[in-house]
Amino acid sequence: MKNMKDNEESELLSFLKKLSGEPKKSSGNDEPFYNNQYDIIVQEGEFFSTEKWNEEEQVLIDSLYPRLKKSIKPSQCYYNSQLIIINDTSNKIKYHEGFFLDTAGFPIIHGWNSLNGKLLDFTLQYNGRMKFSDKSHIGIEVDKAWVLDRIQNKKNSISYLDNYEDGFPAIRNKYIKPSSK
């Protein structure tokens, strides 16, 4: 099973590297720091553990999911994942954006959550109840403050990585992991 997971991660990272383009040479002007959304994930992204949740983690998930399951929408990953972190009073759940491989082997841009570094994907796992997923995800943590500001001021749950409305802020500057600030 581990070899299969390693192969999936290797395939996903290889695909993203091809799409990210040549490494940028700093010109010192107002050019974006990263080439595109693929590039920031190749340079800064991390894979998420698909290890099963322990009992304490399951209790937290079970406390959130029943309250929110009627609000979770199929194919609305950014909305679903942002909904989870704004309702998580423990502040243990993080919000991430990046990519996973679809069934055809193509990287799909996606939003999800994590708990203690373990994958928590309410969208891909949505089928009326929360269950465990073993799909490889690679991505970056998105600051909860950005999500809250976006929802309160712009009234939407758009993607951070693919945020065309604000000129793609994720690729403009060097990424700093929110939990390390």
N, C-alpha and C. Protein backbone atom coordinates (compact mmCIF):
# COMPACT_ATOMS: atom_id res chain seq x y z
N MET A 1 0.82 -1.19 0.00
CA MET A 1 0.00 0.00 0.00
C MET A 1 0.87 1.26 0.00
N LYS A 2 1.98 1.26 0.79
CA LYS A 2 2.85 2.41 0.84
C LYS A 2 3.46 2.71 -0.53
N ASN A 3 3.89 1.69 -1.26
CA ASN A 3 4.46 1.90 -2.59
C ASN A 3 3.45 2.54 -3.53
N MET A 4 2.19 2.10 -3.44
CA MET A 4 1.13 2.67 -4.27
C MET A 4 0.95 4.16 -3.95
N LYS A 5 0.98 4.51 -2.65
CA LYS A 5 0.84 5.89 -2.20
C LYS A 5 2.05 6.70 -2.67
N ASP A 6 3.26 6.16 -2.54
CA ASP A 6 4.47 6.84 -3.00
C ASP A 6 4.40 7.10 -4.50
N ASN A 7 3.93 6.11 -5.26
CA ASN A 7 3.80 6.27 -6.71
C ASN A 7 2.81 7.37 -7.06
N GLU A 8 1.68 7.41 -6.34
CA GLU A 8 0.67 8.44 -6.59
C GLU A 8 1.23 9.82 -6.29
N GLU A 9 1.96 9.95 -5.17
CA GLU A 9 2.55 11.24 -4.82
C GLU A 9 3.60 11.65 -5.83
N SER A 10 4.42 10.70 -6.25
CA SER A 10 5.46 10.97 -7.24
C SER A 10 4.84 11.41 -8.57
N GLU A 11 3.79 10.74 -8.99
CA GLU A 11 3.11 11.08 -10.24
C GLU A 11 2.50 12.48 -10.17
N LEU A 12 1.87 12.80 -9.05
CA LEU A 12 1.25 14.11 -8.87
C LEU A 12 2.31 15.21 -8.88
N LEU A 13 3.38 15.03 -8.13
CA LEU A 13 4.43 16.04 -8.09
C LEU A 13 5.10 16.21 -9.45
N SER A 14 5.33 15.13 -10.16
CA SER A 14 5.93 15.19 -11.50
C SER A 14 5.05 15.98 -12.46
N PHE A 15 3.76 15.73 -12.42
CA PHE A 15 2.81 16.44 -13.28
C PHE A 15 2.82 17.94 -12.96
N LEU A 16 2.80 18.27 -11.67
CA LEU A 16 2.80 19.68 -11.26
C LEU A 16 4.09 20.39 -11.67
N LYS A 17 5.22 19.69 -11.59
CA LYS A 17 6.50 20.28 -12.01
C LYS A 17 6.48 20.63 -13.49
N LYS A 18 5.90 19.76 -14.30
CA LYS A 18 5.80 20.03 -15.74
C LYS A 18 4.94 21.27 -16.00
N LEU A 19 3.88 21.42 -15.22
CA LEU A 19 2.97 22.55 -15.41
C LEU A 19 3.49 23.85 -14.80
N SER A 20 4.46 23.75 -13.90
CA SER A 20 4.93 24.94 -13.19
C SER A 20 5.86 25.81 -14.02
N GLY A 21 6.47 25.26 -15.05
CA GLY A 21 7.37 26.04 -15.90
C GLY A 21 8.78 26.11 -15.34
N GLU A 22 9.63 26.83 -16.04
CA GLU A 22 11.02 27.01 -15.63
C GLU A 22 11.09 27.85 -14.36
N PRO A 23 12.06 27.57 -13.49
CA PRO A 23 12.22 28.40 -12.29
C PRO A 23 12.41 29.87 -12.66
N LYS A 24 11.81 30.75 -11.87
CA LYS A 24 11.90 32.19 -12.14
C LYS A 24 13.27 32.71 -11.75
N LYS A 25 13.72 33.70 -12.51
CA LYS A 25 14.92 34.43 -12.16
C LYS A 25 14.45 35.79 -11.66
N SER A 26 14.83 36.12 -10.44
CA SER A 26 14.37 37.36 -9.83
C SER A 26 14.85 38.55 -10.64
N SER A 27 13.90 39.40 -11.05
CA SER A 27 14.25 40.58 -11.83
C SER A 27 14.18 41.84 -10.97
N GLY A 28 13.70 41.68 -9.73
CA GLY A 28 13.65 42.82 -8.82
C GLY A 28 12.50 43.77 -9.06
N ASN A 29 11.68 43.54 -10.08
CA ASN A 29 10.55 44.44 -10.32
C ASN A 29 9.28 43.84 -9.74
N ASP A 30 8.15 44.24 -10.23
CA ASP A 30 6.87 43.85 -9.66
C ASP A 30 6.33 42.53 -10.22
N GLU A 31 7.21 41.68 -10.72
CA GLU A 31 6.77 40.39 -11.25
C GLU A 31 6.38 39.46 -10.10
N PRO A 32 5.45 38.53 -10.34
CA PRO A 32 5.09 37.57 -9.30
C PRO A 32 6.28 36.73 -8.86
N PHE A 33 6.29 36.31 -7.61
CA PHE A 33 7.37 35.49 -7.08
C PHE A 33 7.34 34.09 -7.70
N TYR A 34 6.13 33.56 -7.94
CA TYR A 34 5.95 32.22 -8.52
C TYR A 34 5.38 32.34 -9.93
N ASN A 35 5.67 31.37 -10.78
CA ASN A 35 5.16 31.37 -12.15
C ASN A 35 3.64 31.26 -12.20
N ASN A 36 3.09 30.40 -11.36
CA ASN A 36 1.66 30.09 -11.40
C ASN A 36 1.28 29.29 -10.15
N GLN A 37 0.06 28.83 -10.11
CA GLN A 37 -0.41 28.07 -8.96
C GLN A 37 0.33 26.74 -8.80
N TYR A 38 0.74 26.15 -9.90
CA TYR A 38 1.48 24.90 -9.84
C TYR A 38 2.85 25.12 -9.20
N ASP A 39 3.49 26.22 -9.57
CA ASP A 39 4.83 26.54 -9.10
C ASP A 39 4.88 26.72 -7.58
N ILE A 40 3.92 27.45 -7.01
CA ILE A 40 3.93 27.65 -5.55
C ILE A 40 3.76 26.31 -4.84
N ILE A 41 2.96 25.41 -5.41
CA ILE A 41 2.76 24.11 -4.77
C ILE A 41 4.01 23.24 -4.90
N VAL A 42 4.67 23.28 -6.06
CA VAL A 42 5.91 22.52 -6.25
C VAL A 42 6.96 23.00 -5.25
N GLN A 43 7.09 24.32 -5.09
CA GLN A 43 8.13 24.87 -4.23
C GLN A 43 7.78 24.84 -2.74
N GLU A 44 6.53 25.05 -2.40
CA GLU A 44 6.15 25.23 -0.99
C GLU A 44 5.20 24.17 -0.45
N GLY A 45 4.59 23.38 -1.32
CA GLY A 45 3.56 22.44 -0.89
C GLY A 45 4.10 21.25 -0.12
N GLU A 46 3.20 20.64 0.62
CA GLU A 46 3.53 19.42 1.34
C GLU A 46 2.40 18.43 1.17
N PHE A 47 2.77 17.14 1.19
CA PHE A 47 1.77 16.09 1.12
C PHE A 47 1.16 15.91 2.50
N PHE A 48 -0.07 15.46 2.52
CA PHE A 48 -0.78 15.30 3.78
C PHE A 48 -0.93 13.83 4.11
N SER A 49 -0.79 13.55 5.40
CA SER A 49 -0.89 12.18 5.88
C SER A 49 -2.31 11.66 5.66
N THR A 50 -2.38 10.45 5.16
CA THR A 50 -3.68 9.79 5.03
C THR A 50 -3.85 8.76 6.15
N GLU A 51 -3.07 8.97 7.21
CA GLU A 51 -3.20 8.12 8.40
C GLU A 51 -4.59 8.30 8.99
N LYS A 52 -5.15 7.24 9.49
CA LYS A 52 -6.49 7.31 10.10
C LYS A 52 -6.46 8.21 11.32
N TRP A 53 -7.61 8.84 11.59
CA TRP A 53 -7.72 9.72 12.75
C TRP A 53 -7.75 8.91 14.04
N ASN A 54 -7.12 9.46 15.09
CA ASN A 54 -7.19 8.79 16.39
C ASN A 54 -8.52 9.12 17.06
N GLU A 55 -8.74 8.58 18.23
CA GLU A 55 -10.04 8.73 18.90
C GLU A 55 -10.35 10.21 19.21
N GLU A 56 -9.37 10.94 19.70
CA GLU A 56 -9.58 12.37 20.02
C GLU A 56 -9.91 13.18 18.76
N GLU A 57 -9.20 12.89 17.67
CA GLU A 57 -9.48 13.58 16.41
C GLU A 57 -10.87 13.24 15.90
N GLN A 58 -11.24 11.98 16.00
CA GLN A 58 -12.56 11.55 15.55
C GLN A 58 -13.67 12.25 16.34
N VAL A 59 -13.45 12.46 17.63
CA VAL A 59 -14.44 13.16 18.46
C VAL A 59 -14.63 14.60 17.95
N LEU A 60 -13.52 15.28 17.63
CA LEU A 60 -13.63 16.64 17.10
C LEU A 60 -14.37 16.65 15.76
N ILE A 61 -14.02 15.76 14.87
CA ILE A 61 -14.68 15.67 13.57
C ILE A 61 -16.17 15.38 13.76
N ASP A 62 -16.46 14.44 14.62
CA ASP A 62 -17.86 14.07 14.87
C ASP A 62 -18.65 15.20 15.52
N SER A 63 -17.97 16.10 16.22
CA SER A 63 -18.68 17.23 16.82
C SER A 63 -19.02 18.30 15.78
N LEU A 64 -18.20 18.41 14.75
CA LEU A 64 -18.43 19.41 13.70
C LEU A 64 -19.37 18.92 12.60
N TYR A 65 -19.11 17.72 12.13
CA TYR A 65 -19.80 17.23 10.94
C TYR A 65 -21.32 17.20 11.04
N PRO A 66 -21.89 16.68 12.12
CA PRO A 66 -23.36 16.65 12.18
C PRO A 66 -24.00 18.05 12.12
N ARG A 67 -23.33 19.04 12.73
CA ARG A 67 -23.87 20.41 12.70
C ARG A 67 -23.79 21.03 11.31
N LEU A 68 -22.81 20.61 10.52
CA LEU A 68 -22.56 21.27 9.24
C LEU A 68 -22.95 20.45 8.02
N LYS A 69 -23.29 19.17 8.19
CA LYS A 69 -23.47 18.30 7.03
C LYS A 69 -24.55 18.80 6.07
N LYS A 70 -25.56 19.49 6.55
CA LYS A 70 -26.60 20.01 5.65
C LYS A 70 -26.10 21.20 4.84
N SER A 71 -25.03 21.84 5.31
CA SER A 71 -24.45 22.98 4.60
C SER A 71 -23.36 22.56 3.61
N ILE A 72 -22.80 21.36 3.77
CA ILE A 72 -21.75 20.88 2.88
C ILE A 72 -22.35 20.56 1.53
N LYS A 73 -21.70 21.09 0.48
CA LYS A 73 -22.23 20.97 -0.87
C LYS A 73 -21.29 20.16 -1.75
N PRO A 74 -21.82 19.20 -2.51
CA PRO A 74 -20.97 18.46 -3.44
C PRO A 74 -20.27 19.40 -4.42
N SER A 75 -19.01 19.16 -4.70
CA SER A 75 -18.21 19.91 -5.68
C SER A 75 -17.94 21.36 -5.27
N GLN A 76 -18.12 21.71 -4.01
CA GLN A 76 -17.86 23.08 -3.53
C GLN A 76 -16.75 23.02 -2.47
N CYS A 77 -15.56 22.62 -2.89
CA CYS A 77 -14.48 22.36 -1.94
C CYS A 77 -14.05 23.59 -1.15
N TYR A 78 -13.96 24.75 -1.79
CA TYR A 78 -13.50 25.94 -1.08
C TYR A 78 -14.54 26.35 -0.04
N TYR A 79 -15.79 26.37 -0.44
CA TYR A 79 -16.88 26.69 0.48
C TYR A 79 -16.90 25.71 1.65
N ASN A 80 -16.89 24.43 1.36
CA ASN A 80 -16.97 23.41 2.41
C ASN A 80 -15.80 23.51 3.40
N SER A 81 -14.59 23.63 2.88
CA SER A 81 -13.40 23.65 3.73
C SER A 81 -13.32 24.93 4.54
N GLN A 82 -13.73 26.04 3.95
CA GLN A 82 -13.73 27.30 4.68
C GLN A 82 -14.84 27.30 5.74
N LEU A 83 -15.95 26.70 5.44
CA LEU A 83 -17.04 26.55 6.40
C LEU A 83 -16.56 25.79 7.64
N ILE A 84 -15.77 24.77 7.42
CA ILE A 84 -15.26 23.96 8.53
C ILE A 84 -14.37 24.79 9.44
N ILE A 85 -13.41 25.54 8.89
CA ILE A 85 -12.49 26.25 9.79
C ILE A 85 -13.16 27.42 10.50
N ILE A 86 -14.14 28.05 9.89
CA ILE A 86 -14.79 29.15 10.61
C ILE A 86 -15.72 28.64 11.71
N ASN A 87 -16.06 27.37 11.67
CA ASN A 87 -16.90 26.76 12.71
C ASN A 87 -16.10 25.93 13.71
N ASP A 88 -14.81 25.81 13.50
CA ASP A 88 -13.96 25.04 14.40
C ASP A 88 -13.48 25.93 15.55
N THR A 89 -14.12 25.84 16.68
CA THR A 89 -13.74 26.67 17.83
C THR A 89 -12.48 26.18 18.52
N SER A 90 -12.05 24.96 18.23
CA SER A 90 -10.82 24.43 18.82
C SER A 90 -9.58 25.03 18.16
N ASN A 91 -9.73 25.55 16.95
CA ASN A 91 -8.62 26.07 16.14
C ASN A 91 -7.55 25.01 15.86
N LYS A 92 -7.94 23.77 15.85
CA LYS A 92 -7.02 22.67 15.55
C LYS A 92 -7.08 22.29 14.07
N ILE A 93 -8.16 22.64 13.41
CA ILE A 93 -8.32 22.28 11.99
C ILE A 93 -7.76 23.41 11.13
N LYS A 94 -6.98 23.05 10.15
CA LYS A 94 -6.35 24.01 9.23
C LYS A 94 -7.02 23.91 7.85
N TYR A 95 -6.89 24.99 7.09
CA TYR A 95 -7.43 25.05 5.72
C TYR A 95 -6.26 25.06 4.74
N HIS A 96 -6.40 24.27 3.67
CA HIS A 96 -5.33 24.14 2.67
C HIS A 96 -5.90 24.20 1.25
N GLU A 97 -5.04 24.60 0.34
CA GLU A 97 -5.38 24.52 -1.08
C GLU A 97 -4.19 23.93 -1.82
N GLY A 98 -4.49 23.21 -2.87
CA GLY A 98 -3.46 22.57 -3.67
C GLY A 98 -4.09 21.67 -4.71
N PHE A 99 -3.58 20.45 -4.83
CA PHE A 99 -4.02 19.55 -5.89
C PHE A 99 -4.11 18.11 -5.39
N PHE A 100 -4.94 17.34 -6.07
CA PHE A 100 -4.99 15.89 -5.92
C PHE A 100 -5.17 15.33 -7.32
N LEU A 101 -4.90 14.05 -7.50
CA LEU A 101 -5.08 13.41 -8.81
C LEU A 101 -6.50 12.87 -8.92
N ASP A 102 -7.16 13.21 -10.03
CA ASP A 102 -8.49 12.64 -10.26
C ASP A 102 -8.33 11.20 -10.76
N THR A 103 -9.44 10.55 -11.04
CA THR A 103 -9.39 9.14 -11.44
C THR A 103 -8.69 8.93 -12.78
N ALA A 104 -8.61 9.98 -13.59
CA ALA A 104 -7.91 9.88 -14.88
C ALA A 104 -6.43 10.21 -14.75
N GLY A 105 -5.99 10.58 -13.53
CA GLY A 105 -4.58 10.88 -13.31
C GLY A 105 -4.20 12.32 -13.60
N PHE A 106 -5.17 13.22 -13.62
CA PHE A 106 -4.91 14.64 -13.87
C PHE A 106 -5.03 15.43 -12.58
N PRO A 107 -4.08 16.37 -12.32
CA PRO A 107 -4.18 17.15 -11.07
C PRO A 107 -5.36 18.12 -11.10
N ILE A 108 -6.12 18.10 -10.02
CA ILE A 108 -7.29 18.96 -9.87
C ILE A 108 -7.02 19.94 -8.73
N ILE A 109 -7.21 21.24 -8.98
CA ILE A 109 -7.06 22.24 -7.92
C ILE A 109 -8.19 22.03 -6.93
N HIS A 110 -7.85 22.18 -5.63
CA HIS A 110 -8.80 21.72 -4.62
C HIS A 110 -8.53 22.39 -3.28
N GLY A 111 -9.56 22.48 -2.44
CA GLY A 111 -9.43 22.96 -1.08
C GLY A 111 -9.87 21.88 -0.11
N TRP A 112 -9.18 21.76 1.04
CA TRP A 112 -9.50 20.74 2.04
C TRP A 112 -9.01 21.22 3.41
N ASN A 113 -9.20 20.39 4.40
CA ASN A 113 -8.75 20.69 5.74
C ASN A 113 -7.78 19.63 6.21
N SER A 114 -7.10 19.94 7.32
CA SER A 114 -6.28 18.93 7.98
C SER A 114 -6.45 19.07 9.48
N LEU A 115 -6.18 17.99 10.16
CA LEU A 115 -6.23 17.95 11.62
C LEU A 115 -4.97 17.22 12.06
N ASN A 116 -4.10 17.96 12.75
CA ASN A 116 -2.80 17.39 13.18
C ASN A 116 -2.02 16.84 12.00
N GLY A 117 -2.09 17.53 10.86
CA GLY A 117 -1.36 17.11 9.66
C GLY A 117 -2.00 15.99 8.88
N LYS A 118 -3.15 15.51 9.35
CA LYS A 118 -3.85 14.41 8.67
C LYS A 118 -4.97 14.98 7.80
N LEU A 119 -5.09 14.41 6.63
CA LEU A 119 -6.08 14.84 5.65
C LEU A 119 -7.50 14.74 6.20
N LEU A 120 -8.26 15.81 5.93
CA LEU A 120 -9.66 15.88 6.32
C LEU A 120 -10.37 16.58 5.17
N ASP A 121 -10.99 15.81 4.29
CA ASP A 121 -11.57 16.36 3.07
C ASP A 121 -13.08 16.11 3.05
N PHE A 122 -13.83 17.12 3.44
CA PHE A 122 -15.28 17.00 3.53
C PHE A 122 -15.95 16.97 2.16
N THR A 123 -15.27 17.40 1.13
CA THR A 123 -15.87 17.42 -0.20
C THR A 123 -15.71 16.08 -0.91
N LEU A 124 -14.49 15.57 -1.02
CA LEU A 124 -14.28 14.29 -1.69
C LEU A 124 -14.88 13.15 -0.91
N GLN A 125 -14.99 13.31 0.39
CA GLN A 125 -15.52 12.25 1.22
C GLN A 125 -17.02 12.38 1.42
N TYR A 126 -17.62 13.36 0.81
CA TYR A 126 -19.04 13.64 1.03
C TYR A 126 -19.91 12.56 0.39
N ASN A 127 -20.70 11.92 1.20
CA ASN A 127 -21.70 10.97 0.71
C ASN A 127 -22.78 10.82 1.77
N GLY A 128 -23.02 11.93 2.47
CA GLY A 128 -24.01 11.91 3.53
C GLY A 128 -23.43 11.64 4.90
N ARG A 129 -22.16 11.23 4.92
CA ARG A 129 -21.49 11.05 6.20
C ARG A 129 -19.98 11.20 5.99
N MET A 130 -19.27 11.52 7.04
CA MET A 130 -17.83 11.70 6.95
C MET A 130 -17.16 10.34 7.00
N LYS A 131 -16.22 10.14 6.09
CA LYS A 131 -15.44 8.91 6.11
C LYS A 131 -14.00 9.23 5.76
N PHE A 132 -13.13 8.29 5.94
CA PHE A 132 -11.71 8.46 5.70
C PHE A 132 -11.38 8.39 4.20
N SER A 133 -10.40 9.19 3.78
CA SER A 133 -9.95 9.15 2.38
C SER A 133 -8.46 8.87 2.34
N ASP A 134 -8.01 8.16 1.32
CA ASP A 134 -6.58 7.91 1.19
C ASP A 134 -6.00 8.51 -0.09
N LYS A 135 -6.70 9.48 -0.69
CA LYS A 135 -6.22 10.16 -1.89
C LYS A 135 -5.05 11.08 -1.53
N SER A 136 -3.97 11.09 -2.31
CA SER A 136 -2.85 11.99 -2.07
C SER A 136 -3.25 13.43 -2.38
N HIS A 137 -2.96 14.31 -1.45
CA HIS A 137 -3.18 15.75 -1.60
C HIS A 137 -1.86 16.45 -1.33
N ILE A 138 -1.50 17.44 -2.16
CA ILE A 138 -0.33 18.28 -1.91
C ILE A 138 -0.81 19.72 -1.95
N GLY A 139 -0.39 20.50 -0.97
CA GLY A 139 -0.85 21.88 -0.94
C GLY A 139 -0.19 22.71 0.13
N ILE A 140 -0.70 23.93 0.26
CA ILE A 140 -0.21 24.88 1.25
C ILE A 140 -1.33 25.23 2.23
N GLU A 141 -0.95 25.60 3.42
CA GLU A 141 -1.91 26.09 4.40
C GLU A 141 -2.29 27.52 4.03
N VAL A 142 -3.57 27.83 4.13
CA VAL A 142 -4.06 29.18 3.87
C VAL A 142 -4.46 29.79 5.21
N ASP A 143 -4.04 31.02 5.43
CA ASP A 143 -4.29 31.70 6.69
C ASP A 143 -5.79 31.84 6.97
N LYS A 144 -6.20 31.42 8.16
CA LYS A 144 -7.61 31.53 8.57
C LYS A 144 -8.06 32.98 8.53
N ALA A 145 -7.18 33.92 8.84
CA ALA A 145 -7.52 35.35 8.80
C ALA A 145 -7.92 35.77 7.39
N TRP A 146 -7.23 35.22 6.35
CA TRP A 146 -7.59 35.55 4.96
C TRP A 146 -8.99 35.05 4.66
N VAL A 147 -9.28 33.83 5.11
CA VAL A 147 -10.61 33.25 4.87
C VAL A 147 -11.69 34.10 5.54
N LEU A 148 -11.48 34.43 6.80
CA LEU A 148 -12.47 35.23 7.53
C LEU A 148 -12.68 36.59 6.87
N ASP A 149 -11.59 37.24 6.48
CA ASP A 149 -11.70 38.54 5.81
C ASP A 149 -12.44 38.42 4.49
N ARG A 150 -12.12 37.39 3.73
CA ARG A 150 -12.75 37.18 2.43
C ARG A 150 -14.26 36.97 2.58
N ILE A 151 -14.64 36.15 3.53
CA ILE A 151 -16.06 35.86 3.73
C ILE A 151 -16.80 37.09 4.25
N GLN A 152 -16.18 37.81 5.21
CA GLN A 152 -16.85 38.98 5.79
C GLN A 152 -16.92 40.16 4.84
N ASN A 153 -15.85 40.42 4.11
CA ASN A 153 -15.79 41.63 3.27
C ASN A 153 -16.20 41.42 1.83
N LYS A 154 -15.88 40.28 1.27
CA LYS A 154 -16.20 40.04 -0.14
C LYS A 154 -17.40 39.12 -0.30
N LYS A 155 -17.83 38.53 0.79
CA LYS A 155 -19.03 37.69 0.83
C LYS A 155 -18.96 36.46 -0.08
N ASN A 156 -17.75 35.90 -0.21
CA ASN A 156 -17.64 34.66 -0.98
C ASN A 156 -16.51 33.79 -0.45
N SER A 157 -16.43 32.59 -0.94
CA SER A 157 -15.42 31.63 -0.50
C SER A 157 -14.57 31.18 -1.68
N ILE A 158 -14.03 32.15 -2.39
CA ILE A 158 -13.20 31.87 -3.57
C ILE A 158 -11.88 31.19 -3.16
N SER A 159 -11.27 30.56 -4.12
CA SER A 159 -9.96 29.94 -3.92
C SER A 159 -8.89 31.00 -3.69
N TYR A 160 -7.97 30.71 -2.78
CA TYR A 160 -6.81 31.57 -2.57
C TYR A 160 -5.81 31.40 -3.71
N LEU A 161 -5.53 30.16 -4.10
CA LEU A 161 -4.56 29.90 -5.18
C LEU A 161 -5.03 30.43 -6.52
N ASP A 162 -6.31 30.39 -6.77
CA ASP A 162 -6.86 30.73 -8.08
C ASP A 162 -7.68 32.03 -8.01
N ASN A 163 -7.26 32.95 -7.14
CA ASN A 163 -8.01 34.17 -6.86
C ASN A 163 -7.72 35.24 -7.91
N TYR A 164 -8.39 35.14 -9.02
CA TYR A 164 -8.23 36.11 -10.11
C TYR A 164 -8.79 37.47 -9.74
N GLU A 165 -9.81 37.50 -8.86
CA GLU A 165 -10.45 38.77 -8.48
C GLU A 165 -9.47 39.74 -7.83
N ASP A 166 -8.51 39.21 -7.08
CA ASP A 166 -7.54 40.05 -6.38
C ASP A 166 -6.15 39.97 -7.01
N GLY A 167 -6.07 39.54 -8.27
CA GLY A 167 -4.79 39.51 -8.98
C GLY A 167 -3.85 38.40 -8.55
N PHE A 168 -4.39 37.25 -8.17
CA PHE A 168 -3.60 36.08 -7.80
C PHE A 168 -2.58 36.37 -6.69
N PRO A 169 -3.04 36.77 -5.50
CA PRO A 169 -2.12 37.14 -4.43
C PRO A 169 -1.21 36.00 -3.96
N ALA A 170 -1.63 34.76 -4.11
CA ALA A 170 -0.82 33.63 -3.65
C ALA A 170 0.52 33.55 -4.37
N ILE A 171 0.58 33.96 -5.63
CA ILE A 171 1.83 33.83 -6.39
C ILE A 171 2.65 35.12 -6.42
N ARG A 172 2.12 36.21 -5.89
CA ARG A 172 2.79 37.49 -5.97
C ARG A 172 4.00 37.60 -5.04
N ASN A 173 3.89 37.04 -3.84
CA ASN A 173 4.96 37.16 -2.85
C ASN A 173 5.38 35.78 -2.34
N LYS A 174 6.57 35.72 -1.73
CA LYS A 174 7.08 34.48 -1.14
C LYS A 174 6.09 33.98 -0.11
N TYR A 175 5.74 32.72 -0.18
CA TYR A 175 4.80 32.09 0.73
C TYR A 175 5.41 31.92 2.12
N ILE A 176 4.63 32.28 3.14
CA ILE A 176 5.01 32.04 4.54
C ILE A 176 3.88 31.25 5.17
N LYS A 177 4.20 30.08 5.67
CA LYS A 177 3.19 29.20 6.26
C LYS A 177 2.55 29.91 7.46
N PRO A 178 1.22 30.04 7.46
CA PRO A 178 0.54 30.78 8.54
C PRO A 178 0.84 30.26 9.94
N SER A 179 0.93 28.95 10.12
CA SER A 179 1.17 28.41 11.45
C SER A 179 2.60 28.62 11.92
N SER A 180 3.48 29.13 11.03
CA SER A 180 4.86 29.41 11.44
C SER A 180 5.12 30.90 11.63
N LYS A 181 4.07 31.71 11.44
CA LYS A 181 4.24 33.17 11.62
C LYS A 181 4.33 33.53 13.08
